[in-house]
Amino acid sequence: MNIHAPVRELNKINITNLLRELPPPEEILWNQGDFRNQEIASSSHSKTRNIIRIHDWFNRDGIPEISLTQALKPWLSSYKNPYPFNECKLINVTSLCSVYEFSITQYLDKIIDECVEEAISPLKKRSGAITRAMITALSPGSIIPAHRDLGLTTRFAHRVHVALTGNDGVIYRIGSHRIKMEPGVAYDFNNSWKHSVLNAGNEWRINLIIDYLEDSNTKNPWLHLGWRP
């Protein structure tokens, strides 16, 4: 969403429990994000490891419509590593997308949800909807090259970043601006401008990322293309 600034600080949140519960990014739980990297996300994000709690979905193939659950089936049937998540279910339908919830572990689900609610509290409205909540990790020496997030939902949703670990040596560039994020602070991040990330530090950079749609009835400009929630 274009907030007409590189970032703006929202509030500081308590990330202590989340940090304590998160496994190292090398562990198998992070395989849960493989589907996103291979089937949903742009190639710019291919270097990341992800734990997904909530993700948006809209049918890219027109009619007949395909749910995220249906789209997962052929991918999972060819998946060689252990089953990457416990459950995927539809929890909301907005004018722009369907929203699915993934179950990770009961305790981690609860902690992520608490952090998400705290992070979006300055933005929250009765008509709003969380369309994405995930934890993403970028290894030392890796780069997310300059790109814009131009997906349907991300054009209208606030992109909120909460830095968790590994911010020493991490360089964010948004437009012509160089940004530093402080751990535990929620930032409204302008992902409609060209942006990139370089992890020049010695540890994994791990962020909580949230997309928050202020109005779940926002007019869908792509209906005529057959892209439906």
C-alpha atoms as a PDB file:
ATOM      1  CA  MET A   1       0.000   0.000   0.000  1.00  0.00           C
ATOM      2  CA  ASN A   2       1.267   3.456  -0.859  1.00  0.00           C
ATOM      3  CA  ILE A   3       1.414   5.406   2.414  1.00  0.00           C
ATOM      4  CA  HIS A   4       3.258   8.293   0.680  1.00  0.00           C
ATOM      5  CA  ALA A   5       6.336   7.779   2.879  1.00  0.00           C
ATOM      6  CA  PRO A   6       8.954   5.007   3.084  1.00  0.00           C
ATOM      7  CA  VAL A   7       7.747   3.739   6.482  1.00  0.00           C
ATOM      8  CA  ARG A   8       5.919   5.046   9.507  1.00  0.00           C
ATOM      9  CA  GLU A   9       6.227   3.757  13.037  1.00  0.00           C
ATOM     10  CA  LEU A  10       3.027   2.370  14.542  1.00  0.00           C
ATOM     11  CA  ASN A  11       3.820   1.061  18.025  1.00  0.00           C
ATOM     12  CA  LYS A  12       6.105  -1.155  20.071  1.00  0.00           C
ATOM     13  CA  ILE A  13       4.927  -4.684  20.809  1.00  0.00           C
ATOM     14  CA  ASN A  14       5.978  -7.492  23.143  1.00  0.00           C
ATOM     15  CA  ILE A  15       7.885 -10.109  21.113  1.00  0.00           C
ATOM     16  CA  THR A  16       9.451 -11.978  24.057  1.00  0.00           C
ATOM     17  CA  ASN A  17       7.187 -15.046  23.903  1.00  0.00           C
ATOM     18  CA  LEU A  18       7.402 -15.265  20.118  1.00  0.00           C
ATOM     19  CA  LEU A  19      11.197 -15.181  20.180  1.00  0.00           C
ATOM     20  CA  ARG A  20      11.263 -17.886  22.850  1.00  0.00           C
ATOM     21  CA  GLU A  21       8.934 -20.185  20.878  1.00  0.00           C
ATOM     22  CA  LEU A  22      10.372 -19.750  17.373  1.00  0.00           C
ATOM     23  CA  PRO A  23      12.599 -22.608  16.161  1.00  0.00           C
ATOM     24  CA  PRO A  24      15.843 -21.787  14.299  1.00  0.00           C
ATOM     25  CA  PRO A  25      15.194 -21.155  10.587  1.00  0.00           C
ATOM     26  CA  GLU A  26      17.143 -24.300   9.631  1.00  0.00           C
ATOM     27  CA  GLU A  27      14.527 -26.518  11.341  1.00  0.00           C
ATOM     28  CA  ILE A  28      11.889 -28.398   9.428  1.00  0.00           C
ATOM     29  CA  LEU A  29       8.918 -26.348  10.677  1.00  0.00           C
ATOM     30  CA  TRP A  30      10.005 -23.588   8.293  1.00  0.00           C
ATOM     31  CA  ASN A  31       9.367 -25.927   5.345  1.00  0.00           C
ATOM     32  CA  GLN A  32       5.767 -24.841   5.806  1.00  0.00           C
ATOM     33  CA  GLY A  33       6.571 -21.788   3.668  1.00  0.00           C
ATOM     34  CA  ASP A  34       7.787 -23.776   0.656  1.00  0.00           C
ATOM     35  CA  PHE A  35       4.361 -23.739  -0.980  1.00  0.00           C
ATOM     36  CA  ARG A  36       4.253 -19.955  -0.834  1.00  0.00           C
ATOM     37  CA  ASN A  37       7.731 -19.566  -2.324  1.00  0.00           C
ATOM     38  CA  GLN A  38       7.113 -22.060  -5.106  1.00  0.00           C
ATOM     39  CA  GLU A  39       3.492 -21.372  -6.007  1.00  0.00           C
ATOM     40  CA  ILE A  40       2.399 -17.916  -4.782  1.00  0.00           C
ATOM     41  CA  ALA A  41       5.244 -15.482  -4.126  1.00  0.00           C
ATOM     42  CA  SER A  42       7.312 -13.708  -6.757  1.00  0.00           C
ATOM     43  CA  SER A  43      10.843 -14.940  -7.416  1.00  0.00           C
ATOM     44  CA  SER A  44      12.172 -11.930  -5.463  1.00  0.00           C
ATOM     45  CA  HIS A  45      11.329 -13.782  -2.238  1.00  0.00           C
ATOM     46  CA  SER A  46      12.836 -17.147  -3.191  1.00  0.00           C
ATOM     47  CA  LYS A  47      15.709 -16.783  -0.684  1.00  0.00           C
ATOM     48  CA  THR A  48      13.378 -16.589   2.329  1.00  0.00           C
ATOM     49  CA  ARG A  49      12.192 -19.249   4.771  1.00  0.00           C
ATOM     50  CA  ASN A  50       8.645 -18.791   6.026  1.00  0.00           C
ATOM     51  CA  ILE A  51       6.148 -19.831   8.660  1.00  0.00           C
ATOM     52  CA  ILE A  52       2.656 -18.911   7.492  1.00  0.00           C
ATOM     53  CA  ARG A  53      -0.230 -18.298   9.859  1.00  0.00           C
ATOM     54  CA  ILE A  54      -2.629 -16.446   7.512  1.00  0.00           C
ATOM     55  CA  HIS A  55      -2.441 -15.972   3.741  1.00  0.00           C
ATOM     56  CA  ASP A  56      -4.611 -14.322   1.116  1.00  0.00           C
ATOM     57  CA  TRP A  57      -5.759 -16.184  -1.983  1.00  0.00           C
ATOM     58  CA  PHE A  58      -7.623 -15.217  -5.120  1.00  0.00           C
ATOM     59  CA  ASN A  59      -8.339 -17.349  -8.133  1.00  0.00           C
ATOM     60  CA  ARG A  60      -5.817 -16.641 -10.865  1.00  0.00           C
ATOM     61  CA  ASP A  61      -7.432 -18.976 -13.394  1.00  0.00           C
ATOM     62  CA  GLY A  62     -10.873 -17.444 -13.775  1.00  0.00           C
ATOM     63  CA  ILE A  63     -13.806 -19.859 -13.737  1.00  0.00           C
ATOM     64  CA  PRO A  64     -14.145 -22.508 -12.375  1.00  0.00           C
ATOM     65  CA  GLU A  65     -12.789 -21.069  -9.160  1.00  0.00           C
ATOM     66  CA  ILE A  66     -10.093 -22.962  -7.285  1.00  0.00           C
ATOM     67  CA  SER A  67      -9.728 -22.737  -3.516  1.00  0.00           C
ATOM     68  CA  LEU A  68      -6.349 -22.626  -1.807  1.00  0.00           C
ATOM     69  CA  THR A  69      -7.125 -26.013  -0.272  1.00  0.00           C
ATOM     70  CA  GLN A  70      -7.649 -27.452  -3.766  1.00  0.00           C
ATOM     71  CA  ALA A  71      -4.504 -25.774  -5.081  1.00  0.00           C
ATOM     72  CA  LEU A  72      -2.481 -27.320  -2.258  1.00  0.00           C
ATOM     73  CA  LYS A  73      -3.449 -30.921  -3.034  1.00  0.00           C
ATOM     74  CA  PRO A  74      -1.284 -31.582  -6.120  1.00  0.00           C
ATOM     75  CA  TRP A  75       1.635 -29.733  -4.568  1.00  0.00           C
ATOM     76  CA  LEU A  76       1.450 -31.725  -1.341  1.00  0.00           C
ATOM     77  CA  SER A  77       1.215 -35.009  -3.252  1.00  0.00           C
ATOM     78  CA  SER A  78       4.653 -34.340  -4.738  1.00  0.00           C
ATOM     79  CA  TYR A  79       6.162 -32.877  -1.566  1.00  0.00           C
ATOM     80  CA  LYS A  80       9.180 -34.970  -0.537  1.00  0.00           C
ATOM     81  CA  ASN A  81       9.825 -33.605   2.952  1.00  0.00           C
ATOM     82  CA  PRO A  82       7.608 -34.202   6.002  1.00  0.00           C
ATOM     83  CA  TYR A  83       4.137 -32.687   5.867  1.00  0.00           C
ATOM     84  CA  PRO A  84       4.749 -28.931   6.220  1.00  0.00           C
ATOM     85  CA  PHE A  85       1.599 -27.839   8.090  1.00  0.00           C
ATOM     86  CA  ASN A  86      -1.251 -29.308  10.085  1.00  0.00           C
ATOM     87  CA  GLU A  87      -4.353 -27.633   8.668  1.00  0.00           C
ATOM     88  CA  CYS A  88      -5.435 -25.042   6.115  1.00  0.00           C
ATOM     89  CA  LYS A  89      -8.946 -23.634   6.336  1.00  0.00           C
ATOM     90  CA  LEU A  90     -10.962 -20.733   4.934  1.00  0.00           C
ATOM     91  CA  ILE A  91     -11.616 -18.100   7.626  1.00  0.00           C
ATOM     92  CA  ASN A  92     -12.769 -15.012   5.698  1.00  0.00           C
ATOM     93  CA  VAL A  93     -13.790 -13.729   2.267  1.00  0.00           C
ATOM     94  CA  THR A  94     -13.183 -10.066   1.454  1.00  0.00           C
ATOM     95  CA  SER A  95     -13.998  -8.230  -1.773  1.00  0.00           C
ATOM     96  CA  LEU A  96     -10.387  -8.742  -2.902  1.00  0.00           C
ATOM     97  CA  CYS A  97      -9.411 -12.177  -1.661  1.00  0.00           C
ATOM     98  CA  SER A  98     -10.236 -15.247   0.334  1.00  0.00           C
ATOM     99  CA  VAL A  99      -8.264 -15.603   3.554  1.00  0.00           C
ATOM    100  CA  TYR A 100      -6.915 -18.928   4.802  1.00  0.00           C
ATOM    101  CA  GLU A 101      -5.523 -19.853   8.186  1.00  0.00           C
ATOM    102  CA  PHE A 102      -2.726 -22.394   8.665  1.00  0.00           C
ATOM    103  CA  SER A 103      -2.260 -24.276  11.921  1.00  0.00           C
ATOM    104  CA  ILE A 104       1.385 -24.566  12.979  1.00  0.00           C
ATOM    105  CA  THR A 105       1.419 -25.588  16.641  1.00  0.00           C
ATOM    106  CA  GLN A 106      -1.309 -24.606  19.078  1.00  0.00           C
ATOM    107  CA  TYR A 107       0.982 -22.513  21.243  1.00  0.00           C
ATOM    108  CA  LEU A 108       2.821 -20.825  18.360  1.00  0.00           C
ATOM    109  CA  ASP A 109      -0.504 -20.046  16.669  1.00  0.00           C
ATOM    110  CA  LYS A 110      -1.664 -18.282  19.835  1.00  0.00           C
ATOM    111  CA  ILE A 111       1.542 -16.252  20.236  1.00  0.00           C
ATOM    112  CA  ILE A 112       1.586 -15.137  16.592  1.00  0.00           C
ATOM    113  CA  ASP A 113      -2.070 -14.091  16.812  1.00  0.00           C
ATOM    114  CA  GLU A 114      -1.375 -12.020  19.931  1.00  0.00           C
ATOM    115  CA  CYS A 115       1.557 -10.227  18.279  1.00  0.00           C
ATOM    116  CA  VAL A 116      -0.476  -9.566  15.131  1.00  0.00           C
ATOM    117  CA  GLU A 117      -3.358  -8.031  17.065  1.00  0.00           C
ATOM    118  CA  GLU A 118      -0.981  -5.827  19.045  1.00  0.00           C
ATOM    119  CA  ALA A 119       0.891  -4.703  15.913  1.00  0.00           C
ATOM    120  CA  ILE A 120      -2.214  -3.653  13.953  1.00  0.00           C
ATOM    121  CA  SER A 121      -4.023  -2.012  16.880  1.00  0.00           C
ATOM    122  CA  PRO A 122      -3.286   1.567  15.638  1.00  0.00           C
ATOM    123  CA  LEU A 123      -4.832   0.685  12.255  1.00  0.00           C
ATOM    124  CA  LYS A 124      -7.717  -1.487  13.351  1.00  0.00           C
ATOM    125  CA  LYS A 125     -11.248  -0.711  12.139  1.00  0.00           C
ATOM    126  CA  ARG A 126     -14.522  -2.579  12.402  1.00  0.00           C
ATOM    127  CA  SER A 127     -14.608  -3.168   8.633  1.00  0.00           C
ATOM    128  CA  GLY A 128     -10.980  -4.330   8.474  1.00  0.00           C
ATOM    129  CA  ALA A 129      -9.458  -7.751   7.885  1.00  0.00           C
ATOM    130  CA  ILE A 130      -6.085  -9.387   8.376  1.00  0.00           C
ATOM    131  CA  THR A 131      -5.201 -10.918   5.005  1.00  0.00           C
ATOM    132  CA  ARG A 132      -1.676 -12.115   5.734  1.00  0.00           C
ATOM    133  CA  ALA A 133       0.393 -12.976   8.810  1.00  0.00           C
ATOM    134  CA  MET A 134       3.678 -14.783   8.427  1.00  0.00           C
ATOM    135  CA  ILE A 135       7.184 -14.964   9.815  1.00  0.00           C
ATOM    136  CA  THR A 136       9.928 -14.679   7.237  1.00  0.00           C
ATOM    137  CA  ALA A 137      13.640 -15.351   7.605  1.00  0.00           C
ATOM    138  CA  LEU A 138      16.494 -14.210   5.357  1.00  0.00           C
ATOM    139  CA  SER A 139      19.874 -15.901   5.811  1.00  0.00           C
ATOM    140  CA  PRO A 140      23.164 -14.008   6.274  1.00  0.00           C
ATOM    141  CA  GLY A 141      24.552 -12.766   2.978  1.00  0.00           C
ATOM    142  CA  SER A 142      21.230 -13.070   1.150  1.00  0.00           C
ATOM    143  CA  ILE A 143      19.474 -10.374  -0.855  1.00  0.00           C
ATOM    144  CA  ILE A 144      15.840  -9.714  -1.699  1.00  0.00           C
ATOM    145  CA  PRO A 145      16.330  -7.737  -4.931  1.00  0.00           C
ATOM    146  CA  ALA A 146      14.541  -4.476  -5.651  1.00  0.00           C
ATOM    147  CA  HIS A 147      10.877  -5.032  -6.512  1.00  0.00           C
ATOM    148  CA  ARG A 148       7.370  -3.731  -5.906  1.00  0.00           C
ATOM    149  CA  ASP A 149       4.559  -5.805  -4.384  1.00  0.00           C
ATOM    150  CA  LEU A 150       1.807  -5.417  -6.961  1.00  0.00           C
ATOM    151  CA  GLY A 151      -0.570  -8.227  -6.024  1.00  0.00           C
ATOM    152  CA  LEU A 152      -4.245  -7.348  -5.844  1.00  0.00           C
ATOM    153  CA  THR A 153      -4.561  -7.385  -2.045  1.00  0.00           C
ATOM    154  CA  THR A 154      -1.194  -5.771  -1.370  1.00  0.00           C
ATOM    155  CA  ARG A 155      -2.201  -2.713  -3.419  1.00  0.00           C
ATOM    156  CA  PHE A 156      -4.851  -1.887  -0.814  1.00  0.00           C
ATOM    157  CA  ALA A 157      -3.597  -3.478   2.426  1.00  0.00           C
ATOM    158  CA  HIS A 158      -1.182  -1.971   4.935  1.00  0.00           C
ATOM    159  CA  ARG A 159       2.042  -3.972   4.957  1.00  0.00           C
ATOM    160  CA  VAL A 160       3.254  -4.098   8.565  1.00  0.00           C
ATOM    161  CA  HIS A 161       6.748  -5.302   9.478  1.00  0.00           C
ATOM    162  CA  VAL A 162       7.867  -6.210  12.995  1.00  0.00           C
ATOM    163  CA  ALA A 163      11.595  -6.925  13.202  1.00  0.00           C
ATOM    164  CA  LEU A 164      12.334  -9.866  15.500  1.00  0.00           C
ATOM    165  CA  THR A 165      16.032 -10.725  15.154  1.00  0.00           C
ATOM    166  CA  GLY A 166      19.108 -10.112  13.043  1.00  0.00           C
ATOM    167  CA  ASN A 167      18.828  -6.397  12.361  1.00  0.00           C
ATOM    168  CA  ASP A 168      22.501  -5.504  12.806  1.00  0.00           C
ATOM    169  CA  GLY A 169      23.859  -5.220   9.290  1.00  0.00           C
ATOM    170  CA  VAL A 170      20.459  -5.490   7.591  1.00  0.00           C
ATOM    171  CA  ILE A 171      19.905  -2.793   4.983  1.00  0.00           C
ATOM    172  CA  TYR A 172      16.427  -1.916   3.743  1.00  0.00           C
ATOM    173  CA  ARG A 173      16.045   0.398   0.787  1.00  0.00           C
ATOM    174  CA  ILE A 174      12.656   1.868  -0.076  1.00  0.00           C
ATOM    175  CA  GLY A 175      12.808   4.163  -3.065  1.00  0.00           C
ATOM    176  CA  SER A 176      15.862   6.337  -2.431  1.00  0.00           C
ATOM    177  CA  HIS A 177      15.642   5.877   1.347  1.00  0.00           C
ATOM    178  CA  ARG A 178      17.747   3.587   3.542  1.00  0.00           C
ATOM    179  CA  ILE A 179      15.771   2.287   6.516  1.00  0.00           C
ATOM    180  CA  LYS A 180      16.674   0.579   9.794  1.00  0.00           C
ATOM    181  CA  MET A 181      14.059  -1.298  11.810  1.00  0.00           C
ATOM    182  CA  GLU A 182      14.278  -1.643  15.580  1.00  0.00           C
ATOM    183  CA  PRO A 183      13.326  -5.033  17.075  1.00  0.00           C
ATOM    184  CA  GLY A 184       9.817  -5.170  18.506  1.00  0.00           C
ATOM    185  CA  VAL A 185       8.570  -2.066  16.699  1.00  0.00           C
ATOM    186  CA  ALA A 186       5.671  -2.350  14.231  1.00  0.00           C
ATOM    187  CA  TYR A 187       6.230  -0.352  11.044  1.00  0.00           C
ATOM    188  CA  ASP A 188       3.759   0.497   8.290  1.00  0.00           C
ATOM    189  CA  PHE A 189       5.939  -0.301   5.272  1.00  0.00           C
ATOM    190  CA  ASN A 190       5.468   1.175   1.798  1.00  0.00           C
ATOM    191  CA  ASN A 191       5.686  -1.913  -0.398  1.00  0.00           C
ATOM    192  CA  SER A 192       4.280  -0.123  -3.451  1.00  0.00           C
ATOM    193  CA  TRP A 193       7.613   1.680  -3.851  1.00  0.00           C
ATOM    194  CA  LYS A 194      10.558  -0.287  -5.159  1.00  0.00           C
ATOM    195  CA  HIS A 195      12.278  -1.878  -2.165  1.00  0.00           C
ATOM    196  CA  SER A 196      15.060  -4.339  -1.395  1.00  0.00           C
ATOM    197  CA  VAL A 197      16.709  -6.033   1.587  1.00  0.00           C
ATOM    198  CA  LEU A 198      20.354  -7.002   2.083  1.00  0.00           C
ATOM    199  CA  ASN A 199      21.297  -9.110   5.085  1.00  0.00           C
ATOM    200  CA  ALA A 200      24.941  -8.104   5.510  1.00  0.00           C
ATOM    201  CA  GLY A 201      24.916  -9.298   9.132  1.00  0.00           C
ATOM    202  CA  ASN A 202      26.013 -12.578  10.684  1.00  0.00           C
ATOM    203  CA  GLU A 203      22.629 -13.969  11.732  1.00  0.00           C
ATOM    204  CA  TRP A 204      19.270 -14.661  10.172  1.00  0.00           C
ATOM    205  CA  ARG A 205      17.017 -11.640   9.737  1.00  0.00           C
ATOM    206  CA  ILE A 206      13.572 -12.667  10.993  1.00  0.00           C
ATOM    207  CA  ASN A 207      10.487 -10.439  10.671  1.00  0.00           C
ATOM    208  CA  LEU A 208       6.802 -10.805  11.382  1.00  0.00           C
ATOM    209  CA  ILE A 209       4.902  -9.535   8.330  1.00  0.00           C
ATOM    210  CA  ILE A 210       1.221  -8.623   8.378  1.00  0.00           C
ATOM    211  CA  ASP A 211      -1.143  -7.343   5.692  1.00  0.00           C
ATOM    212  CA  TYR A 212      -4.127  -5.454   7.063  1.00  0.00           C
ATOM    213  CA  LEU A 213      -7.012  -4.355   4.850  1.00  0.00           C
ATOM    214  CA  GLU A 214      -8.820  -1.424   6.480  1.00  0.00           C
ATOM    215  CA  ASP A 215     -12.021  -2.024   4.483  1.00  0.00           C
ATOM    216  CA  SER A 216     -12.850  -5.629   3.621  1.00  0.00           C
ATOM    217  CA  ASN A 217     -15.395  -4.309   1.077  1.00  0.00           C
ATOM    218  CA  THR A 218     -12.862  -2.337  -0.967  1.00  0.00           C
ATOM    219  CA  LYS A 219     -13.928  -2.205  -4.615  1.00  0.00           C
ATOM    220  CA  ASN A 220     -12.244  -4.964  -6.594  1.00  0.00           C
ATOM    221  CA  PRO A 221     -10.796  -3.462  -9.807  1.00  0.00           C
ATOM    222  CA  TRP A 222      -9.914  -6.840 -11.331  1.00  0.00           C
ATOM    223  CA  LEU A 223     -13.347  -8.499 -11.416  1.00  0.00           C
ATOM    224  CA  HIS A 224     -13.560  -8.021 -15.184  1.00  0.00           C
ATOM    225  CA  LEU A 225     -10.386 -10.112 -15.549  1.00  0.00           C
ATOM    226  CA  GLY A 226     -11.973 -13.052 -13.769  1.00  0.00           C
ATOM    227  CA  TRP A 227      -9.870 -12.671 -10.609  1.00  0.00           C
ATOM    228  CA  ARG A 228     -12.317 -13.387  -7.838  1.00  0.00           C
ATOM    229  CA  PRO A 229     -11.946 -13.840  -4.066  1.00  0.00           C
END
